[in-house]
Amino acid sequence: FATAEAGAPTLLACVCQPGFTGPNGTACRPCPAGTFKDQGGSADCITCPPASSSPPSSGRISACVCNAGFSGPDGGPCELCEAGTYKNETGSAECAGCGGRFGASLP
């Protein structure tokens, strides 16, 4: 997953697309899960903010979504669900109250 400008004179003009990394002019490899890269070129993939994760080949920070037990916008920051609340899926949904006589255990 590399690209080059029109009229590129050498293989070194081929650069990795966002979501992929590697030296210019060589094979590109996908950014691993839990990372992203939002620019083309040979830069390293960037780790998602704390308490978030992303699928492999993520090309923007908004692909980093909060883990279960945490809530916040896509791309972070992710905050721990407060006592008495929970969130059992990844994403930007708010933590839900346990309701009734239940309490929540901390993750």
C-alpha atoms as a PDB file:
ATOM      1  CA  PHE A   1       0.000   0.000   0.000  1.00  0.00           C
ATOM      2  CA  ALA A   2       2.356   2.614  -1.334  1.00  0.00           C
ATOM      3  CA  THR A   3       1.824   5.576  -3.594  1.00  0.00           C
ATOM      4  CA  ALA A   4       3.942   8.034  -5.580  1.00  0.00           C
ATOM      5  CA  GLU A   5       3.350  11.387  -7.266  1.00  0.00           C
ATOM      6  CA  ALA A   6       2.823  11.399 -11.039  1.00  0.00           C
ATOM      7  CA  GLY A   7       6.176  11.334 -12.841  1.00  0.00           C
ATOM      8  CA  ALA A   8       8.071   9.861  -9.874  1.00  0.00           C
ATOM      9  CA  PRO A   9      11.683   9.352 -11.023  1.00  0.00           C
ATOM     10  CA  THR A  10      12.741   6.525  -8.649  1.00  0.00           C
ATOM     11  CA  LEU A  11      11.419   3.719  -6.496  1.00  0.00           C
ATOM     12  CA  LEU A  12      12.328   5.833  -3.440  1.00  0.00           C
ATOM     13  CA  ALA A  13       9.481   8.182  -4.414  1.00  0.00           C
ATOM     14  CA  CYS A  14       7.061   5.400  -3.437  1.00  0.00           C
ATOM     15  CA  VAL A  15       5.865   6.074   0.109  1.00  0.00           C
ATOM     16  CA  CYS A  16       3.553   4.183   2.442  1.00  0.00           C
ATOM     17  CA  GLN A  17      -0.050   5.386   2.678  1.00  0.00           C
ATOM     18  CA  PRO A  18      -1.655   6.318   6.011  1.00  0.00           C
ATOM     19  CA  GLY A  19      -2.195   3.214   8.152  1.00  0.00           C
ATOM     20  CA  PHE A  20       0.994   1.609   6.797  1.00  0.00           C
ATOM     21  CA  THR A  21       4.697   2.096   7.537  1.00  0.00           C
ATOM     22  CA  GLY A  22       8.083   1.194   6.145  1.00  0.00           C
ATOM     23  CA  PRO A  23      11.104   2.844   4.523  1.00  0.00           C
ATOM     24  CA  ASN A  24      10.401   4.727   1.285  1.00  0.00           C
ATOM     25  CA  GLY A  25      10.777   2.489  -1.761  1.00  0.00           C
ATOM     26  CA  THR A  26      10.229  -0.773   0.143  1.00  0.00           C
ATOM     27  CA  ALA A  27       7.269  -2.951   1.066  1.00  0.00           C
ATOM     28  CA  CYS A  28       4.850  -1.291   3.454  1.00  0.00           C
ATOM     29  CA  ARG A  29       3.480  -3.134   6.473  1.00  0.00           C
ATOM     30  CA  PRO A  30       0.206  -2.355   8.222  1.00  0.00           C
ATOM     31  CA  CYS A  31       0.221  -0.481  11.490  1.00  0.00           C
ATOM     32  CA  PRO A  32      -0.502  -3.072  14.203  1.00  0.00           C
ATOM     33  CA  ALA A  33      -3.677  -3.088  16.273  1.00  0.00           C
ATOM     34  CA  GLY A  34      -3.605  -0.381  18.944  1.00  0.00           C
ATOM     35  CA  THR A  35      -1.755   2.084  16.686  1.00  0.00           C
ATOM     36  CA  PHE A  36      -2.488   4.486  13.811  1.00  0.00           C
ATOM     37  CA  LYS A  37      -0.615   6.602  11.265  1.00  0.00           C
ATOM     38  CA  ASP A  38      -2.429   9.546   9.705  1.00  0.00           C
ATOM     39  CA  GLN A  39       0.204  10.610   7.162  1.00  0.00           C
ATOM     40  CA  GLY A  40       1.914   9.001   4.222  1.00  0.00           C
ATOM     41  CA  GLY A  41       5.641   8.298   4.407  1.00  0.00           C
ATOM     42  CA  SER A  42       8.079   6.311   6.480  1.00  0.00           C
ATOM     43  CA  ALA A  43       7.161   7.599   9.956  1.00  0.00           C
ATOM     44  CA  ASP A  44       6.415   5.071  12.678  1.00  0.00           C
ATOM     45  CA  CYS A  45       2.871   4.169  13.682  1.00  0.00           C
ATOM     46  CA  ILE A  46       1.633   6.038  16.777  1.00  0.00           C
ATOM     47  CA  THR A  47       0.233   4.260  19.838  1.00  0.00           C
ATOM     48  CA  CYS A  48      -3.431   4.961  20.582  1.00  0.00           C
ATOM     49  CA  PRO A  49      -4.217   7.045  23.681  1.00  0.00           C
ATOM     50  CA  PRO A  50      -4.388   5.137  27.011  1.00  0.00           C
ATOM     51  CA  ALA A  51      -7.414   2.827  27.507  1.00  0.00           C
ATOM     52  CA  SER A  52      -8.196   2.738  23.769  1.00  0.00           C
ATOM     53  CA  SER A  53      -7.504   0.407  20.851  1.00  0.00           C
ATOM     54  CA  SER A  54      -7.740   0.347  17.062  1.00  0.00           C
ATOM     55  CA  PRO A  55      -7.837  -2.285  14.321  1.00  0.00           C
ATOM     56  CA  PRO A  56      -4.731  -2.964  12.196  1.00  0.00           C
ATOM     57  CA  SER A  57      -4.036  -0.507   9.327  1.00  0.00           C
ATOM     58  CA  SER A  58      -5.713   2.439  11.087  1.00  0.00           C
ATOM     59  CA  GLY A  59      -5.109   5.693   9.237  1.00  0.00           C
ATOM     60  CA  ARG A  60      -6.462   8.223  11.742  1.00  0.00           C
ATOM     61  CA  ILE A  61      -6.605   8.764  15.496  1.00  0.00           C
ATOM     62  CA  SER A  62     -10.409   8.535  15.471  1.00  0.00           C
ATOM     63  CA  ALA A  63      -9.962   4.796  14.781  1.00  0.00           C
ATOM     64  CA  CYS A  64      -8.733   4.552  18.401  1.00  0.00           C
ATOM     65  CA  VAL A  65     -11.876   3.851  20.419  1.00  0.00           C
ATOM     66  CA  CYS A  66     -12.310   3.532  24.170  1.00  0.00           C
ATOM     67  CA  ASN A  67     -12.040   0.037  25.621  1.00  0.00           C
ATOM     68  CA  ALA A  68     -14.864  -1.588  27.594  1.00  0.00           C
ATOM     69  CA  GLY A  69     -15.043   0.006  31.058  1.00  0.00           C
ATOM     70  CA  PHE A  70     -13.966   3.406  29.672  1.00  0.00           C
ATOM     71  CA  SER A  71     -15.861   6.182  27.897  1.00  0.00           C
ATOM     72  CA  GLY A  72     -14.865   9.173  25.783  1.00  0.00           C
ATOM     73  CA  PRO A  73     -14.721  10.456  22.218  1.00  0.00           C
ATOM     74  CA  ASP A  74     -13.153   8.400  19.438  1.00  0.00           C
ATOM     75  CA  GLY A  75      -9.477   9.358  19.496  1.00  0.00           C
ATOM     76  CA  GLY A  76      -9.503   9.840  23.288  1.00  0.00           C
ATOM     77  CA  PRO A  77      -9.159  10.747  26.014  1.00  0.00           C
ATOM     78  CA  CYS A  78     -10.904   7.779  27.602  1.00  0.00           C
ATOM     79  CA  GLU A  79     -12.088   7.985  31.212  1.00  0.00           C
ATOM     80  CA  LEU A  80     -12.711   5.063  33.559  1.00  0.00           C
ATOM     81  CA  CYS A  81     -16.416   4.405  34.172  1.00  0.00           C
ATOM     82  CA  GLU A  82     -17.354   5.687  37.612  1.00  0.00           C
ATOM     83  CA  ALA A  83     -18.379   3.342  40.426  1.00  0.00           C
ATOM     84  CA  GLY A  84     -21.978   2.229  39.902  1.00  0.00           C
ATOM     85  CA  THR A  85     -21.670   2.362  36.089  1.00  0.00           C
ATOM     86  CA  TYR A  86     -20.392   0.056  33.356  1.00  0.00           C
ATOM     87  CA  LYS A  87     -19.728  -0.144  29.627  1.00  0.00           C
ATOM     88  CA  ASN A  88     -19.362  -3.618  28.112  1.00  0.00           C
ATOM     89  CA  GLU A  89     -18.302  -2.672  24.572  1.00  0.00           C
ATOM     90  CA  THR A  90     -15.677  -0.585  22.824  1.00  0.00           C
ATOM     91  CA  GLY A  91     -16.514   2.834  21.402  1.00  0.00           C
ATOM     92  CA  SER A  92     -17.668   6.259  22.463  1.00  0.00           C
ATOM     93  CA  ALA A  93     -20.904   5.274  24.226  1.00  0.00           C
ATOM     94  CA  GLU A  94     -21.395   6.623  27.716  1.00  0.00           C
ATOM     95  CA  CYS A  95     -21.128   4.396  30.760  1.00  0.00           C
ATOM     96  CA  ALA A  96     -24.533   3.139  31.879  1.00  0.00           C
ATOM     97  CA  GLY A  97     -25.818   3.023  35.429  1.00  0.00           C
ATOM     98  CA  CYS A  98     -26.199  -0.358  37.068  1.00  0.00           C
ATOM     99  CA  GLY A  99     -29.627   0.639  38.361  1.00  0.00           C
ATOM    100  CA  GLY A 100     -31.602  -0.732  41.241  1.00  0.00           C
ATOM    101  CA  ARG A 101     -29.713  -2.456  44.024  1.00  0.00           C
ATOM    102  CA  PHE A 102     -26.623  -3.281  41.956  1.00  0.00           C
ATOM    103  CA  GLY A 103     -23.142  -1.818  42.233  1.00  0.00           C
ATOM    104  CA  ALA A 104     -20.306  -2.167  39.765  1.00  0.00           C
ATOM    105  CA  SER A 105     -16.936  -3.697  40.449  1.00  0.00           C
ATOM    106  CA  LEU A 106     -13.914  -1.830  39.182  1.00  0.00           C
ATOM    107  CA  PRO A 107     -12.135  -3.367  36.149  1.00  0.00           C
END
